[in-house]
Structure formats: C-alpha cells, structure tokens
Amino acid sequence: MIRETADHAALIINLPSQPKSIKETLEGLKDADGKQKVPGIFATVPYCIDLIGGPYVETRPEVVAAFRPKSALRPPKN
C-alpha cells in the first residue's frame, strides 16, 4: 500500500496474521532441496521505492537479490 501526502509518499507493507504465512512472505518459498523457489517480499521493496519516487536502492545479492523488471534496471557503477 502507498500512503501519499503533498510532501511525500510512504510504502506500507502489510503482513498476514498467521506465523507460517508471515515467515513465507518474508523469506519466500523454498523447494524440497531448500533452494529458493519464490523470493520473499524484501526482494520487491527496492522497486516499490522506485515506483513511489524514492531513491534507487541497491542490495547485496548474497543477502537479497532485488527484483526489478528489465526496464527498471540501471547499469552497474564502476
């Protein structure tokens, strides 16, 4: 959800009420071998910040690889 005022916009992340659902939302889903099948919600936060006019946020891929459509990717800094 986005909350906007004349001065700024804020990204609000609502979590489900059940502990198992919260864990799956934050961590994503893994297959039987423990490999990431669906990324957790944190992977989408940088792109959501882009959409509300915030700064371009980069992540450390070994912690969480940010999801962005190809049209929203910026070239890496040298």
PDB file of N, CA and C in Angstrom:
ATOM      1  N   MET A   1       0.848  -1.155   0.000  1.00  0.00           N
ATOM      2  CA  MET A   1       0.000   0.000   0.000  1.00  0.00           C
ATOM      3  C   MET A   1       0.902   1.229   0.000  1.00  0.00           C
ATOM      4  N   ILE A   2       0.457   2.264  -0.661  1.00  0.00           N
ATOM      5  CA  ILE A   2       1.200   3.519  -0.692  1.00  0.00           C
ATOM      6  C   ILE A   2       0.346   4.585  -0.021  1.00  0.00           C
ATOM      7  N   ARG A   3       0.957   5.318   0.882  1.00  0.00           N
ATOM      8  CA  ARG A   3       0.287   6.440   1.531  1.00  0.00           C
ATOM      9  C   ARG A   3       0.969   7.697   1.041  1.00  0.00           C
ATOM     10  N   GLU A   4       0.221   8.577   0.391  1.00  0.00           N
ATOM     11  CA  GLU A   4       0.801   9.801  -0.163  1.00  0.00           C
ATOM     12  C   GLU A   4       0.209  11.043   0.496  1.00  0.00           C
ATOM     13  N   THR A   5       1.081  12.019   0.699  1.00  0.00           N
ATOM     14  CA  THR A   5       0.655  13.346   1.118  1.00  0.00           C
ATOM     15  C   THR A   5       1.240  14.321   0.105  1.00  0.00           C
ATOM     16  N   ALA A   6       1.007  15.578   0.305  1.00  0.00           N
ATOM     17  CA  ALA A   6       1.564  16.574  -0.614  1.00  0.00           C
ATOM     18  C   ALA A   6       3.088  16.594  -0.553  1.00  0.00           C
ATOM     19  N   ASP A   7       3.668  16.224   0.582  1.00  0.00           N
ATOM     20  CA  ASP A   7       5.117  16.297   0.788  1.00  0.00           C
ATOM     21  C   ASP A   7       5.876  15.021   0.438  1.00  0.00           C
ATOM     22  N   HIS A   8       5.255  13.868   0.642  1.00  0.00           N
ATOM     23  CA  HIS A   8       5.999  12.620   0.448  1.00  0.00           C
ATOM     24  C   HIS A   8       5.044  11.443   0.235  1.00  0.00           C
ATOM     25  N   ALA A   9       5.665  10.297  -0.074  1.00  0.00           N
ATOM     26  CA  ALA A   9       4.931   9.040  -0.190  1.00  0.00           C
ATOM     27  C   ALA A   9       5.610   8.020   0.710  1.00  0.00           C
ATOM     28  N   ALA A  10       4.836   7.104   1.244  1.00  0.00           N
ATOM     29  CA  ALA A  10       5.382   6.065   2.113  1.00  0.00           C
ATOM     30  C   ALA A  10       4.889   4.703   1.636  1.00  0.00           C
ATOM     31  N   LEU A  11       5.764   3.735   1.673  1.00  0.00           N
ATOM     32  CA  LEU A  11       5.416   2.368   1.330  1.00  0.00           C
ATOM     33  C   LEU A  11       5.035   1.652   2.622  1.00  0.00           C
ATOM     34  N   ILE A  12       3.852   1.068   2.650  1.00  0.00           N
ATOM     35  CA  ILE A  12       3.378   0.339   3.828  1.00  0.00           C
ATOM     36  C   ILE A  12       3.244  -1.121   3.444  1.00  0.00           C
ATOM     37  N   ILE A  13       3.914  -1.983   4.189  1.00  0.00           N
ATOM     38  CA  ILE A  13       3.868  -3.417   3.912  1.00  0.00           C
ATOM     39  C   ILE A  13       3.005  -4.069   4.984  1.00  0.00           C
ATOM     40  N   ASN A  14       1.904  -4.655   4.566  1.00  0.00           N
ATOM     41  CA  ASN A  14       1.016  -5.373   5.479  1.00  0.00           C
ATOM     42  C   ASN A  14       1.382  -6.848   5.446  1.00  0.00           C
ATOM     43  N   LEU A  15       1.469  -7.448   6.613  1.00  0.00           N
ATOM     44  CA  LEU A  15       1.791  -8.864   6.706  1.00  0.00           C
ATOM     45  C   LEU A  15       0.542  -9.654   7.083  1.00  0.00           C
ATOM     46  N   PRO A  16       0.500 -10.937   6.698  1.00  0.00           N
ATOM     47  CA  PRO A  16      -0.640 -11.768   7.087  1.00  0.00           C
ATOM     48  C   PRO A  16      -0.640 -12.011   8.601  1.00  0.00           C
ATOM     49  N   SER A  17      -1.710 -12.587   9.105  1.00  0.00           N
ATOM     50  CA  SER A  17      -1.842 -12.745  10.551  1.00  0.00           C
ATOM     51  C   SER A  17      -1.282 -14.059  11.090  1.00  0.00           C
ATOM     52  N   GLN A  18      -1.110 -15.050  10.258  1.00  0.00           N
ATOM     53  CA  GLN A  18      -0.629 -16.354  10.723  1.00  0.00           C
ATOM     54  C   GLN A  18       0.895 -16.428  10.688  1.00  0.00           C
ATOM     55  N   PRO A  19       1.536 -16.943  11.749  1.00  0.00           N
ATOM     56  CA  PRO A  19       3.006 -17.006  11.787  1.00  0.00           C
ATOM     57  C   PRO A  19       3.631 -17.705  10.576  1.00  0.00           C
ATOM     58  N   LYS A  20       3.054 -18.828  10.126  1.00  0.00           N
ATOM     59  CA  LYS A  20       3.617 -19.536   8.973  1.00  0.00           C
ATOM     60  C   LYS A  20       3.535 -18.667   7.719  1.00  0.00           C
ATOM     61  N   SER A  21       2.433 -17.972   7.558  1.00  0.00           N
ATOM     62  CA  SER A  21       2.259 -17.100   6.398  1.00  0.00           C
ATOM     63  C   SER A  21       3.218 -15.920   6.440  1.00  0.00           C
ATOM     64  N   ILE A  22       3.449 -15.376   7.625  1.00  0.00           N
ATOM     65  CA  ILE A  22       4.407 -14.277   7.780  1.00  0.00           C
ATOM     66  C   ILE A  22       5.796 -14.756   7.375  1.00  0.00           C
ATOM     67  N   LYS A  23       6.183 -15.926   7.858  1.00  0.00           N
ATOM     68  CA  LYS A  23       7.503 -16.486   7.529  1.00  0.00           C
ATOM     69  C   LYS A  23       7.653 -16.668   6.019  1.00  0.00           C
ATOM     70  N   GLU A  24       6.630 -17.219   5.370  1.00  0.00           N
ATOM     71  CA  GLU A  24       6.689 -17.429   3.918  1.00  0.00           C
ATOM     72  C   GLU A  24       6.734 -16.107   3.160  1.00  0.00           C
ATOM     73  N   THR A  25       6.011 -15.106   3.647  1.00  0.00           N
ATOM     74  CA  THR A  25       6.007 -13.798   2.995  1.00  0.00           C
ATOM     75  C   THR A  25       7.382 -13.148   3.084  1.00  0.00           C
ATOM     76  N   LEU A  26       8.011 -13.205   4.245  1.00  0.00           N
ATOM     77  CA  LEU A  26       9.305 -12.564   4.439  1.00  0.00           C
ATOM     78  C   LEU A  26      10.451 -13.343   3.793  1.00  0.00           C
ATOM     79  N   GLU A  27      10.436 -14.667   3.942  1.00  0.00           N
ATOM     80  CA  GLU A  27      11.553 -15.486   3.467  1.00  0.00           C
ATOM     81  C   GLU A  27      11.359 -16.012   2.056  1.00  0.00           C
ATOM     82  N   GLY A  28      10.139 -16.053   1.563  1.00  0.00           N
ATOM     83  CA  GLY A  28       9.859 -16.659   0.273  1.00  0.00           C
ATOM     84  C   GLY A  28       9.600 -18.144   0.439  1.00  0.00           C
ATOM     85  N   LEU A  29       9.432 -18.826  -0.662  1.00  0.00           N
ATOM     86  CA  LEU A  29       9.165 -20.260  -0.636  1.00  0.00           C
ATOM     87  C   LEU A  29      10.363 -21.016  -1.180  1.00  0.00           C
ATOM     88  N   LYS A  30      10.654 -22.137  -0.541  1.00  0.00           N
ATOM     89  CA  LYS A  30      11.781 -22.975  -0.961  1.00  0.00           C
ATOM     90  C   LYS A  30      11.259 -24.323  -1.420  1.00  0.00           C
ATOM     91  N   ASP A  31      12.006 -24.949  -2.342  1.00  0.00           N
ATOM     92  CA  ASP A  31      11.610 -26.277  -2.789  1.00  0.00           C
ATOM     93  C   ASP A  31      12.083 -27.318  -1.772  1.00  0.00           C
ATOM     94  N   ALA A  32      11.877 -28.591  -2.072  1.00  0.00           N
ATOM     95  CA  ALA A  32      12.226 -29.666  -1.149  1.00  0.00           C
ATOM     96  C   ALA A  32      13.722 -29.718  -0.850  1.00  0.00           C
ATOM     97  N   ASP A  33      14.558 -29.219  -1.776  1.00  0.00           N
ATOM     98  CA  ASP A  33      16.008 -29.214  -1.577  1.00  0.00           C
ATOM     99  C   ASP A  33      16.497 -27.975  -0.830  1.00  0.00           C
ATOM    100  N   GLY A  34      15.573 -27.078  -0.481  1.00  0.00           N
ATOM    101  CA  GLY A  34      15.956 -25.862   0.237  1.00  0.00           C
ATOM    102  C   GLY A  34      16.381 -24.718  -0.661  1.00  0.00           C
ATOM    103  N   LYS A  35      16.251 -24.882  -1.975  1.00  0.00           N
ATOM    104  CA  LYS A  35      16.603 -23.805  -2.907  1.00  0.00           C
ATOM    105  C   LYS A  35      15.433 -22.832  -3.020  1.00  0.00           C
ATOM    106  N   GLN A  36      15.764 -21.558  -3.151  1.00  0.00           N
ATOM    107  CA  GLN A  36      14.742 -20.512  -3.254  1.00  0.00           C
ATOM    108  C   GLN A  36      13.904 -20.716  -4.507  1.00  0.00           C
ATOM    109  N   LYS A  37      12.609 -20.880  -4.336  1.00  0.00           N
ATOM    110  CA  LYS A  37      11.693 -21.059  -5.453  1.00  0.00           C
ATOM    111  C   LYS A  37      10.977 -19.739  -5.771  1.00  0.00           C
ATOM    112  N   VAL A  38      10.523 -19.074  -4.739  1.00  0.00           N
ATOM    113  CA  VAL A  38       9.849 -17.780  -4.866  1.00  0.00           C
ATOM    114  C   VAL A  38      10.495 -16.834  -3.854  1.00  0.00           C
ATOM    115  N   PRO A  39      11.001 -15.671  -4.308  1.00  0.00           N
ATOM    116  CA  PRO A  39      11.655 -14.763  -3.364  1.00  0.00           C
ATOM    117  C   PRO A  39      10.659 -14.155  -2.379  1.00  0.00           C
ATOM    118  N   GLY A  40      11.164 -13.775  -1.227  1.00  0.00           N
ATOM    119  CA  GLY A  40      10.330 -13.121  -0.226  1.00  0.00           C
ATOM    120  C   GLY A  40      10.026 -11.682  -0.620  1.00  0.00           C
ATOM    121  N   ILE A  41       9.205 -11.049   0.172  1.00  0.00           N
ATOM    122  CA  ILE A  41       8.733  -9.703  -0.129  1.00  0.00           C
ATOM    123  C   ILE A  41       9.864  -8.679  -0.171  1.00  0.00           C
ATOM    124  N   PHE A  42      10.937  -8.889   0.585  1.00  0.00           N
ATOM    125  CA  PHE A  42      12.018  -7.908   0.615  1.00  0.00           C
ATOM    126  C   PHE A  42      12.665  -7.711  -0.755  1.00  0.00           C
ATOM    127  N   ALA A  43      12.589  -8.716  -1.618  1.00  0.00           N
ATOM    128  CA  ALA A  43      13.160  -8.593  -2.962  1.00  0.00           C
ATOM    129  C   ALA A  43      12.438  -7.527  -3.787  1.00  0.00           C
ATOM    130  N   THR A  44      11.189  -7.246  -3.473  1.00  0.00           N
ATOM    131  CA  THR A  44      10.418  -6.278  -4.252  1.00  0.00           C
ATOM    132  C   THR A  44      10.482  -4.858  -3.696  1.00  0.00           C
ATOM    133  N   VAL A  45      10.943  -4.693  -2.468  1.00  0.00           N
ATOM    134  CA  VAL A  45      10.929  -3.365  -1.835  1.00  0.00           C
ATOM    135  C   VAL A  45      11.726  -2.316  -2.620  1.00  0.00           C
ATOM    136  N   PRO A  46      12.940  -2.591  -3.111  1.00  0.00           N
ATOM    137  CA  PRO A  46      13.650  -1.547  -3.870  1.00  0.00           C
ATOM    138  C   PRO A  46      12.867  -1.035  -5.075  1.00  0.00           C
ATOM    139  N   TYR A  47      12.219  -1.921  -5.804  1.00  0.00           N
ATOM    140  CA  TYR A  47      11.439  -1.486  -6.964  1.00  0.00           C
ATOM    141  C   TYR A  47      10.206  -0.689  -6.524  1.00  0.00           C
ATOM    142  N   CYS A  48       9.577  -1.093  -5.444  1.00  0.00           N
ATOM    143  CA  CYS A  48       8.427  -0.344  -4.923  1.00  0.00           C
ATOM    144  C   CYS A  48       8.844   1.069  -4.539  1.00  0.00           C
ATOM    145  N   ILE A  49      10.024   1.221  -3.954  1.00  0.00           N
ATOM    146  CA  ILE A  49      10.534   2.551  -3.602  1.00  0.00           C
ATOM    147  C   ILE A  49      10.758   3.368  -4.870  1.00  0.00           C
ATOM    148  N   ASP A  50      11.273   2.731  -5.930  1.00  0.00           N
ATOM    149  CA  ASP A  50      11.409   3.408  -7.228  1.00  0.00           C
ATOM    150  C   ASP A  50      10.059   3.948  -7.691  1.00  0.00           C
ATOM    151  N   LEU A  51       9.036   3.126  -7.589  1.00  0.00           N
ATOM    152  CA  LEU A  51       7.718   3.483  -8.108  1.00  0.00           C
ATOM    153  C   LEU A  51       7.082   4.668  -7.385  1.00  0.00           C
ATOM    154  N   ILE A  52       7.431   4.866  -6.113  1.00  0.00           N
ATOM    155  CA  ILE A  52       6.849   5.997  -5.387  1.00  0.00           C
ATOM    156  C   ILE A  52       7.763   7.218  -5.411  1.00  0.00           C
ATOM    157  N   GLY A  53       8.811   7.160  -6.239  1.00  0.00           N
ATOM    158  CA  GLY A  53       9.670   8.330  -6.421  1.00  0.00           C
ATOM    159  C   GLY A  53      10.832   8.427  -5.461  1.00  0.00           C
ATOM    160  N   GLY A  54      11.148   7.339  -4.777  1.00  0.00           N
ATOM    161  CA  GLY A  54      12.281   7.340  -3.856  1.00  0.00           C
ATOM    162  C   GLY A  54      13.591   7.100  -4.576  1.00  0.00           C
ATOM    163  N   PRO A  55      14.674   7.014  -3.817  1.00  0.00           N
ATOM    164  CA  PRO A  55      15.986   6.790  -4.430  1.00  0.00           C
ATOM    165  C   PRO A  55      16.119   5.373  -4.982  1.00  0.00           C
ATOM    166  N   TYR A  56      17.057   5.196  -5.896  1.00  0.00           N
ATOM    167  CA  TYR A  56      17.344   3.879  -6.455  1.00  0.00           C
ATOM    168  C   TYR A  56      18.122   3.096  -5.405  1.00  0.00           C
ATOM    169  N   VAL A  57      17.523   2.059  -4.864  1.00  0.00           N
ATOM    170  CA  VAL A  57      18.133   1.276  -3.794  1.00  0.00           C
ATOM    171  C   VAL A  57      18.786   0.037  -4.389  1.00  0.00           C
ATOM    172  N   GLU A  58      20.055  -0.175  -4.041  1.00  0.00           N
ATOM    173  CA  GLU A  58      20.757  -1.379  -4.476  1.00  0.00           C
ATOM    174  C   GLU A  58      20.894  -2.315  -3.280  1.00  0.00           C
ATOM    175  N   THR A  59      20.869  -3.605  -3.546  1.00  0.00           N
ATOM    176  CA  THR A  59      21.009  -4.597  -2.486  1.00  0.00           C
ATOM    177  C   THR A  59      22.281  -5.407  -2.694  1.00  0.00           C
ATOM    178  N   ARG A  60      22.668  -6.118  -1.662  1.00  0.00           N
ATOM    179  CA  ARG A  60      23.765  -7.079  -1.797  1.00  0.00           C
ATOM    180  C   ARG A  60      23.127  -8.402  -2.200  1.00  0.00           C
ATOM    181  N   PRO A  61      23.388  -8.873  -3.414  1.00  0.00           N
ATOM    182  CA  PRO A  61      22.713 -10.074  -3.915  1.00  0.00           C
ATOM    183  C   PRO A  61      22.890 -11.304  -3.025  1.00  0.00           C
ATOM    184  N   GLU A  62      23.992 -11.374  -2.278  1.00  0.00           N
ATOM    185  CA  GLU A  62      24.177 -12.534  -1.405  1.00  0.00           C
ATOM    186  C   GLU A  62      23.232 -12.495  -0.207  1.00  0.00           C
ATOM    187  N   VAL A  63      22.664 -11.328   0.089  1.00  0.00           N
ATOM    188  CA  VAL A  63      21.692 -11.192   1.173  1.00  0.00           C
ATOM    189  C   VAL A  63      20.278 -11.293   0.607  1.00  0.00           C
ATOM    190  N   VAL A  64      19.964 -10.428  -0.335  1.00  0.00           N
ATOM    191  CA  VAL A  64      18.686 -10.487  -1.041  1.00  0.00           C
ATOM    192  C   VAL A  64      18.883  -9.858  -2.418  1.00  0.00           C
ATOM    193  N   ALA A  65      18.535 -10.607  -3.453  1.00  0.00           N
ATOM    194  CA  ALA A  65      18.645 -10.096  -4.815  1.00  0.00           C
ATOM    195  C   ALA A  65      17.369  -9.324  -5.126  1.00  0.00           C
ATOM    196  N   ALA A  66      17.522  -8.051  -5.410  1.00  0.00           N
ATOM    197  CA  ALA A  66      16.358  -7.203  -5.669  1.00  0.00           C
ATOM    198  C   ALA A  66      15.681  -7.605  -6.973  1.00  0.00           C
ATOM    199  N   PHE A  67      14.350  -7.624  -6.945  1.00  0.00           N
ATOM    200  CA  PHE A  67      13.571  -7.863  -8.156  1.00  0.00           C
ATOM    201  C   PHE A  67      13.255  -6.514  -8.792  1.00  0.00           C
ATOM    202  N   ARG A  68      13.557  -6.392 -10.056  1.00  0.00           N
ATOM    203  CA  ARG A  68      13.140  -5.238 -10.865  1.00  0.00           C
ATOM    204  C   ARG A  68      12.905  -5.750 -12.278  1.00  0.00           C
ATOM    205  N   PRO A  69      11.877  -5.227 -12.960  1.00  0.00           N
ATOM    206  CA  PRO A  69      11.741  -5.582 -14.371  1.00  0.00           C
ATOM    207  C   PRO A  69      12.935  -5.056 -15.158  1.00  0.00           C
ATOM    208  N   LYS A  70      13.237  -5.662 -16.271  1.00  0.00           N
ATOM    209  CA  LYS A  70      14.406  -5.248 -17.064  1.00  0.00           C
ATOM    210  C   LYS A  70      14.371  -3.774 -17.404  1.00  0.00           C
ATOM    211  N   SER A  71      13.183  -3.217 -17.611  1.00  0.00           N
ATOM    212  CA  SER A  71      13.066  -1.806 -17.972  1.00  0.00           C
ATOM    213  C   SER A  71      13.454  -0.872 -16.828  1.00  0.00           C
ATOM    214  N   ALA A  72      13.526  -1.387 -15.595  1.00  0.00           N
ATOM    215  CA  ALA A  72      13.841  -0.549 -14.440  1.00  0.00           C
ATOM    216  C   ALA A  72      15.278  -0.722 -13.954  1.00  0.00           C
ATOM    217  N   LEU A  73      16.056  -1.588 -14.600  1.00  0.00           N
ATOM    218  CA  LEU A  73      17.433  -1.824 -14.172  1.00  0.00           C
ATOM    219  C   LEU A  73      18.341  -0.672 -14.607  1.00  0.00           C
ATOM    220  N   ARG A  74      19.290  -0.339 -13.766  1.00  0.00           N
ATOM    221  CA  ARG A  74      20.299   0.671 -14.111  1.00  0.00           C
ATOM    222  C   ARG A  74      21.619  -0.059 -14.291  1.00  0.00           C
ATOM    223  N   PRO A  75      22.481   0.465 -15.155  1.00  0.00           N
ATOM    224  CA  PRO A  75      23.791  -0.188 -15.312  1.00  0.00           C
ATOM    225  C   PRO A  75      24.591  -0.095 -14.025  1.00  0.00           C
ATOM    226  N   PRO A  76      25.417  -1.101 -13.739  1.00  0.00           N
ATOM    227  CA  PRO A  76      26.232  -1.070 -12.516  1.00  0.00           C
ATOM    228  C   PRO A  76      27.233   0.086 -12.533  1.00  0.00           C
ATOM    229  N   LYS A  77      27.510   0.614 -11.340  1.00  0.00           N
ATOM    230  CA  LYS A  77      28.514   1.684 -11.209  1.00  0.00           C
ATOM    231  C   LYS A  77      29.908   1.083 -11.287  1.00  0.00           C
ATOM    232  N   ASN A  78      30.822   1.799 -11.870  1.00  0.00           N
ATOM    233  CA  ASN A  78      32.217   1.314 -11.975  1.00  0.00           C
ATOM    234  C   ASN A  78      33.038   1.811 -10.833  1.00  0.00           C
TER     235      ASN A  78
END
